[in-house]
Structure formats: C-alpha cells, structure tokens
C-alpha cells in the first residue's frame, strides 16, 4: 500500500471516530479500514461504529468482556494496596493485549501473592516488572516503566496522581488523565517506538498544561514535544499511522532522556545485562524492525 493511501485511511478512521456515526462503506474500503484499525489498536471501536456483526466482532467483544472481568476481579482483590491501572482507560474502545498495573514498591510482593491466589503464575521477573499469566490472561505489574531495565519514567512518583473512577461500570483506581497522557506518550516514544491511532486519540483528549508541568518534573517533556509535533503533521494529513520512529531519531530521543534524567542515567547499566538476555534480545530486535504491537 502506498504512503498516500495510508494517509487517506488514517484520515478516514479519524473522521469516523470523531463523528461516531454508523455509515455504509463498500467491502474493499471496509476491509482496508479493518486491517488499518488492527494495526492502530482501535479495531473494536471501528467494528462497533460500522455495526459489523461477524466472527471477528464476536471474538473482539468476547475478549473485551474477558478483560473487563479481570479488571473487576483485581479491583476487588487488591483493595487496600497502593496501585493503579494504567494504559487502560482510553477515549476509544479496544482490547488491551494485557492488563497493566503500576504498583508501589512497598506492596509489590503482597500484590503478587494476591494475584497468585487467583490462579496466576509468575512467568517473568524483570528488575521493575513482574508478569503473571493464567491461560490467555496476562497481568504486568510495574514499579517503574522501563525498557531493558532502564527506567524512562518514575513510576513511584506517578502513584501520587491516582484517582478513583469508573471504567465500563467498574470502580477502578487509575491515574489522573493528565498523568495518563504522560505515560502514554513516554510508553509510545521510549518503549514501543510506535505511535498508533489509539495513542493519538488518547493524547488529543488527555494532554493538557498539567501534563507538560508533570513531564517537566519527571524529565520526559521531550517525548511530549515530539508527540505534539507528530500530531500536527497527522492533522495536516502529512503523516500516516501507525508511525514507527526511525531508529536514529529513537536513539537521539533516548540520548536526550539519558542526559536529562538522573533516574534513567542511574539504571542505564542494567541494559548491559539485558542485552545478553535471549528474551530481551528478541524484543529489542522487534522494536527495531516491527511496524506495530
């Protein structure tokens, strides 16, 4: 598919989601939109807007319902612990690959035991993340969001910006929207190296003056400036999504982060160990070559 066609599809999806209007499209356009929505992590939102009722819609709705059940269970069992759901509440409806929690260093061991009591098993232990699974259900517990053991944002500081809110009828603990925006931006820029429509809509809605003030405190304002410039290009129909940050630009952004953030600098030594880790090596290669996540 040519780049101009991808830009057109990006704009079509943006217009569809902004109008939230059920329209009829021909089969070829519909299939192209579905493929594009998959790459941009907004598939369920599109299927609902176009009122498509097929096996794909059924599987997406089932997966979304399963994720809601996990969120509800965790909200019930983790009461009294210091944590928040993050990268969960978005202005678009989608099926997250896993459930991400940001947890207090003081409570991480207790939270792991509580989740193990629900039938989950620890499958990965990284310096700042524990991954548990049960069947197809995966839960990631972060103390500090990081890549290869290198911290790119202070997770413990972020916990200061928690709130009680509702997610599809479930009472949950999450980050304040302006703090969530900072998480989404840094995660896309520093960890995934991919910016999707899911990220675009989230940041257009949640990014605010408070986001920039918090990003400045947490030494990650460069990621927000980068995203603002990228969003401008998208709005001007000069950039398609998903957008993969070129390797040299990604490296430059990381070098700026390393220079400006003492926490990132202090944990950069961890990268040496993780580069020799077989699992991380594969993940890092995927970051350099993949189109989406």
Protein backbone atom coordinates (compact mmCIF):
# COMPACT_ATOMS: atom_id res chain seq x y z
CA UNK A 1 0.00 0.00 0.00
CA UNK A 2 1.35 3.41 -1.00
CA UNK A 3 2.05 6.04 1.65
CA UNK A 4 -0.64 8.40 0.32
CA UNK A 5 -3.21 5.61 0.65
CA UNK A 6 -2.15 5.06 4.27
CA UNK A 7 -2.55 8.77 5.00
CA UNK A 8 -6.04 8.71 3.47
CA UNK A 9 -7.01 5.68 5.55
CA UNK A 10 -5.65 7.37 8.67
CA UNK A 11 -7.81 10.43 7.99
CA UNK A 12 -10.86 8.26 7.26
CA UNK A 13 -10.51 6.50 10.60
CA UNK A 14 -10.08 9.79 12.44
CA UNK A 15 -13.20 11.21 10.77
CA UNK A 16 -15.18 8.06 11.53
CA UNK A 17 -14.24 8.07 15.20
CA UNK A 18 -14.86 11.80 15.62
CA UNK A 19 -18.33 11.56 14.10
CA UNK A 20 -19.05 8.20 15.80
CA UNK A 21 -21.62 7.72 13.04
CA UNK A 22 -22.74 4.43 11.53
CA UNK A 23 -22.05 4.65 7.80
CA UNK A 24 -22.12 2.17 4.95
CA UNK A 25 -18.87 1.53 3.06
CA UNK A 26 -18.08 -0.89 0.28
CA UNK A 27 -16.40 -4.19 1.09
CA UNK A 28 -12.94 -3.20 -0.19
CA UNK A 29 -12.82 0.03 1.82
CA UNK A 30 -14.26 -1.73 4.85
CA UNK A 31 -11.59 -4.45 4.72
CA UNK A 32 -8.83 -1.85 4.35
CA UNK A 33 -10.19 0.07 7.33
CA UNK A 34 -10.36 -3.11 9.42
CA UNK A 35 -6.76 -4.03 8.58
CA UNK A 36 -5.64 -0.49 9.42
CA UNK A 37 -7.65 -0.43 12.67
CA UNK A 38 -5.95 -3.68 13.76
CA UNK A 39 -2.51 -2.11 13.33
CA UNK A 40 -3.66 1.00 15.18
CA UNK A 41 -5.20 -0.81 18.18
CA UNK A 42 -8.70 0.56 17.55
CA UNK A 43 -10.35 -2.48 15.97
CA UNK A 44 -13.30 -2.92 18.33
CA UNK A 45 -14.15 0.78 18.11
CA UNK A 46 -14.33 0.54 14.31
CA UNK A 47 -16.40 -2.66 14.33
CA UNK A 48 -18.92 -1.00 16.64
CA UNK A 49 -19.12 2.21 14.61
CA UNK A 50 -19.64 0.32 11.34
CA UNK A 51 -22.05 -2.04 13.11
CA UNK A 52 -20.22 -5.07 11.72
CA UNK A 53 -21.60 -8.28 13.19
CA UNK A 54 -19.40 -11.21 12.24
CA UNK A 55 -17.00 -13.68 13.85
CA UNK A 56 -14.32 -11.01 14.19
CA UNK A 57 -16.71 -8.71 16.08
CA UNK A 58 -17.82 -11.60 18.29
CA UNK A 59 -14.22 -12.54 19.16
CA UNK A 60 -13.34 -8.91 19.93
CA UNK A 61 -16.39 -8.44 22.15
CA UNK A 62 -15.63 -11.69 23.94
CA UNK A 63 -12.01 -10.70 24.50
CA UNK A 64 -13.09 -7.27 25.77
CA UNK A 65 -15.58 -8.86 28.16
CA UNK A 66 -12.87 -11.21 29.47
CA UNK A 67 -10.56 -8.25 30.11
CA UNK A 68 -13.34 -6.42 31.99
CA UNK A 69 -13.80 -9.47 34.20
CA UNK A 70 -10.09 -9.45 35.07
CA UNK A 71 -10.19 -5.72 35.84
CA UNK A 72 -13.23 -6.18 38.08
CA UNK A 73 -11.62 -9.11 39.91
CA UNK A 74 -8.38 -7.24 40.50
CA UNK A 75 -10.22 -4.14 41.70
CA UNK A 76 -11.99 -6.29 44.29
CA UNK A 77 -8.99 -8.32 45.50
CA UNK A 78 -6.41 -5.53 45.60
CA UNK A 79 -8.34 -3.12 47.80
CA UNK A 80 -6.12 -1.58 50.45
CA UNK A 81 -2.98 -1.80 48.30
CA UNK A 82 -1.21 1.06 46.59
CA UNK A 83 -1.56 0.61 42.83
CA UNK A 84 -3.32 1.96 39.74
CA UNK A 85 -4.45 0.55 36.42
CA UNK A 86 -2.67 2.39 33.64
CA UNK A 87 -2.76 2.35 29.83
CA UNK A 88 -6.31 1.04 30.28
CA UNK A 89 -8.79 3.94 30.21
CA UNK A 90 -8.85 5.44 26.72
CA UNK A 91 -11.32 7.51 24.67
CA UNK A 92 -11.53 4.59 22.21
CA UNK A 93 -12.80 1.08 22.90
CA UNK A 94 -10.16 -1.56 22.29
CA UNK A 95 -8.94 -4.90 23.60
CA UNK A 96 -5.65 -4.46 25.50
CA UNK A 97 -3.12 -7.22 25.00
CA UNK A 98 -2.70 -7.48 28.77
CA UNK A 99 -3.67 -5.68 31.96
CA UNK A 100 -1.04 -3.24 33.23
CA UNK A 101 -0.79 -2.11 36.84
CA UNK A 102 1.58 0.40 38.35
CA UNK A 103 2.28 -0.68 41.92
CA UNK A 104 4.09 0.61 44.97
CA UNK A 105 7.50 -0.88 45.70
CA UNK A 106 6.27 -1.44 49.27
CA UNK A 107 3.29 -3.50 48.11
CA UNK A 108 4.66 -5.40 45.09
CA UNK A 109 5.31 -8.68 46.92
CA UNK A 110 1.90 -8.66 48.58
CA UNK A 111 0.15 -7.88 45.31
CA UNK A 112 1.99 -10.70 43.53
CA UNK A 113 0.84 -13.15 46.23
CA UNK A 114 -2.76 -11.93 45.98
CA UNK A 115 -2.79 -12.42 42.21
CA UNK A 116 -1.15 -15.83 42.54
CA UNK A 117 -4.06 -16.66 44.84
CA UNK A 118 -6.35 -16.07 41.84
CA UNK A 119 -4.61 -18.88 39.95
CA UNK A 120 -1.96 -16.84 38.13
CA UNK A 121 1.69 -17.86 37.88
CA UNK A 122 4.74 -15.64 37.66
CA UNK A 123 6.31 -16.17 34.23
CA UNK A 124 8.75 -13.24 34.03
CA UNK A 125 10.60 -11.26 36.69
CA UNK A 126 12.44 -8.19 35.47
CA UNK A 127 14.07 -5.55 37.67
CA UNK A 128 10.98 -3.33 37.58
CA UNK A 129 8.21 -5.55 36.22
CA UNK A 130 6.60 -8.87 37.18
CA UNK A 131 4.46 -10.68 34.60
CA UNK A 132 1.83 -13.22 35.67
CA UNK A 133 -0.41 -15.34 33.48
CA UNK A 134 -3.35 -17.70 33.68
CA UNK A 135 -4.32 -19.22 30.38
CA UNK A 136 -4.58 -16.36 27.90
CA UNK A 137 -4.85 -13.74 30.64
CA UNK A 138 -1.66 -11.74 31.29
CA UNK A 139 -1.05 -9.15 34.02
CA UNK A 140 2.01 -6.91 34.13
CA UNK A 141 2.95 -5.30 37.46
CA UNK A 142 5.28 -2.32 37.04
CA UNK A 143 7.11 -0.45 39.77
CA UNK A 144 8.92 1.68 37.19
CA UNK A 145 8.10 1.65 33.46
CA UNK A 146 11.33 0.69 31.75
CA UNK A 147 12.98 -0.82 28.69
CA UNK A 148 15.67 -3.41 29.22
CA UNK A 149 15.93 -2.44 32.86
CA UNK A 150 16.41 1.25 32.01
CA UNK A 151 13.74 3.41 33.68
CA UNK A 152 12.16 6.06 31.45
CA UNK A 153 9.62 7.47 33.93
CA UNK A 154 9.38 7.47 37.72
CA UNK A 155 6.51 5.09 38.45
CA UNK A 156 6.53 5.75 42.18
CA UNK A 157 6.07 9.48 41.61
CA UNK A 158 3.20 8.74 39.24
CA UNK A 159 1.33 6.93 42.00
CA UNK A 160 0.88 10.32 43.67
CA UNK A 161 -1.55 11.21 40.86
CA UNK A 162 -4.07 8.41 41.38
CA UNK A 163 -7.85 8.70 41.47
CA UNK A 164 -10.99 6.59 41.82
CA UNK A 165 -13.01 6.46 38.61
CA UNK A 166 -15.35 4.24 36.59
CA UNK A 167 -14.39 2.02 33.69
CA UNK A 168 -17.31 0.36 31.88
CA UNK A 169 -19.33 0.28 35.10
CA UNK A 170 -16.42 -0.92 37.28
CA UNK A 171 -14.92 1.20 40.06
CA UNK A 172 -11.16 1.31 39.44
CA UNK A 173 -8.07 3.14 40.62
CA UNK A 174 -6.31 4.89 37.75
CA UNK A 175 -4.08 7.86 37.05
CA UNK A 176 -5.39 11.37 36.61
CA UNK A 177 -5.97 11.93 32.85
CA UNK A 178 -3.12 14.44 32.55
CA UNK A 179 -0.73 11.91 34.18
CA UNK A 180 -2.07 9.11 31.97
CA UNK A 181 -1.23 11.27 28.95
CA UNK A 182 2.40 11.46 30.08
CA UNK A 183 2.50 7.67 30.48
CA UNK A 184 1.03 7.07 27.02
CA UNK A 185 3.47 9.48 25.38
CA UNK A 186 6.58 8.09 27.09
CA UNK A 187 5.49 4.49 26.51
CA UNK A 188 4.99 5.10 22.78
CA UNK A 189 8.21 7.08 22.35
CA UNK A 190 10.70 5.32 24.60
CA UNK A 191 9.44 1.76 24.86
CA UNK A 192 7.35 0.78 21.85
CA UNK A 193 8.87 3.10 19.23
CA UNK A 194 5.42 3.07 17.67
CA UNK A 195 2.68 5.69 17.68
CA UNK A 196 -0.85 4.50 16.87
CA UNK A 197 -4.31 5.99 16.47
CA UNK A 198 -5.06 4.64 19.92
CA UNK A 199 -2.27 6.86 21.27
CA UNK A 200 -3.31 9.78 19.06
CA UNK A 201 -6.89 9.90 20.36
CA UNK A 202 -5.78 9.38 23.95
CA UNK A 203 -3.31 12.26 23.85
CA UNK A 204 -5.64 14.58 21.96
CA UNK A 205 -8.18 14.13 24.73
CA UNK A 206 -5.96 13.90 27.83
CA UNK A 207 -2.90 16.02 27.08
CA UNK A 208 -3.05 19.32 28.95
CA UNK A 209 -0.97 22.06 30.55
CA UNK A 210 -0.78 19.89 33.68
CA UNK A 211 0.70 17.09 31.54
CA UNK A 212 3.57 19.32 30.46
CA UNK A 213 4.17 20.50 34.02
CA UNK A 214 4.32 16.90 35.24
CA UNK A 215 6.51 15.83 32.31
CA UNK A 216 8.93 18.61 33.17
CA UNK A 217 9.14 17.38 36.77
CA UNK A 218 9.69 13.80 35.59
CA UNK A 219 12.26 14.80 32.97
CA UNK A 220 10.33 13.49 29.98
CA UNK A 221 9.00 16.67 28.36
CA UNK A 222 10.90 15.91 25.13
CA UNK A 223 8.55 12.99 24.46
CA UNK A 224 5.51 15.29 24.73
CA UNK A 225 7.09 17.89 22.45
CA UNK A 226 7.81 15.15 19.94
CA UNK A 227 4.22 13.90 20.09
CA UNK A 228 2.78 17.42 19.70
CA UNK A 229 4.83 17.93 16.52
CA UNK A 230 3.77 14.50 15.24
CA UNK A 231 0.08 15.18 15.94
CA UNK A 232 0.35 18.43 13.97
CA UNK A 233 1.62 16.51 10.94
CA UNK A 234 -1.21 13.98 11.32
CA UNK A 235 -3.81 16.75 11.49
CA UNK A 236 -2.31 18.34 8.38
CA UNK A 237 -2.58 14.96 6.58
CA UNK A 238 1.19 14.69 6.20
CA UNK A 239 1.68 11.57 8.35
CA UNK A 240 0.05 8.15 8.41
CA UNK A 241 -0.45 5.91 11.42
CA UNK A 242 0.89 3.71 12.85
CA UNK A 243 4.15 5.64 12.78
CA UNK A 244 7.41 3.87 13.52
CA UNK A 245 10.02 6.23 14.93
CA UNK A 246 13.15 5.95 12.75
CA UNK A 247 15.98 4.18 14.56
CA UNK A 248 18.36 7.16 14.60
CA UNK A 249 15.65 9.52 15.85
CA UNK A 250 14.67 6.99 18.54
CA UNK A 251 18.31 6.77 19.58
CA UNK A 252 18.50 10.59 19.76
CA UNK A 253 15.37 10.77 21.95
CA UNK A 254 16.87 8.17 24.28
CA UNK A 255 20.17 10.06 24.47
CA UNK A 256 18.27 13.22 25.44
CA UNK A 257 16.45 11.22 28.10
CA UNK A 258 19.69 9.78 29.40
CA UNK A 259 21.27 13.22 29.59
CA UNK A 260 18.33 14.92 31.34
CA UNK A 261 17.07 12.22 33.74
CA UNK A 262 19.22 11.04 36.64
CA UNK A 263 16.95 8.00 37.20
CA UNK A 264 17.38 6.90 33.59
CA UNK A 265 21.12 7.52 33.83
CA UNK A 266 21.46 5.54 37.08
CA UNK A 267 19.67 2.49 35.67
CA UNK A 268 21.31 2.52 32.22
CA UNK A 269 23.87 -0.01 33.48
CA UNK A 270 21.06 -2.59 33.50
CA UNK A 271 20.98 -2.53 29.71
CA UNK A 272 24.31 -4.33 29.53
CA UNK A 273 22.87 -7.36 31.34
CA UNK A 274 19.59 -7.41 29.44
CA UNK A 275 21.26 -7.18 26.03
CA UNK A 276 22.67 -10.65 26.71
CA UNK A 277 19.26 -11.94 27.76
CA UNK A 278 17.79 -14.07 24.97
CA UNK A 279 14.19 -12.95 25.53
CA UNK A 280 15.04 -9.26 25.68
CA UNK A 281 17.29 -9.56 22.65
CA UNK A 282 14.35 -10.78 20.59
CA UNK A 283 12.13 -8.00 21.94
CA UNK A 284 14.75 -5.38 21.15
CA UNK A 285 15.08 -6.69 17.59
CA UNK A 286 11.30 -6.47 17.22
CA UNK A 287 11.44 -2.82 18.36
CA UNK A 288 13.93 -2.09 15.59
CA UNK A 289 12.09 -3.93 12.81
CA UNK A 290 8.38 -4.16 13.73
CA UNK A 291 5.54 -1.94 12.41
CA UNK A 292 3.08 -2.26 15.30
CA UNK A 293 2.47 -4.02 18.63
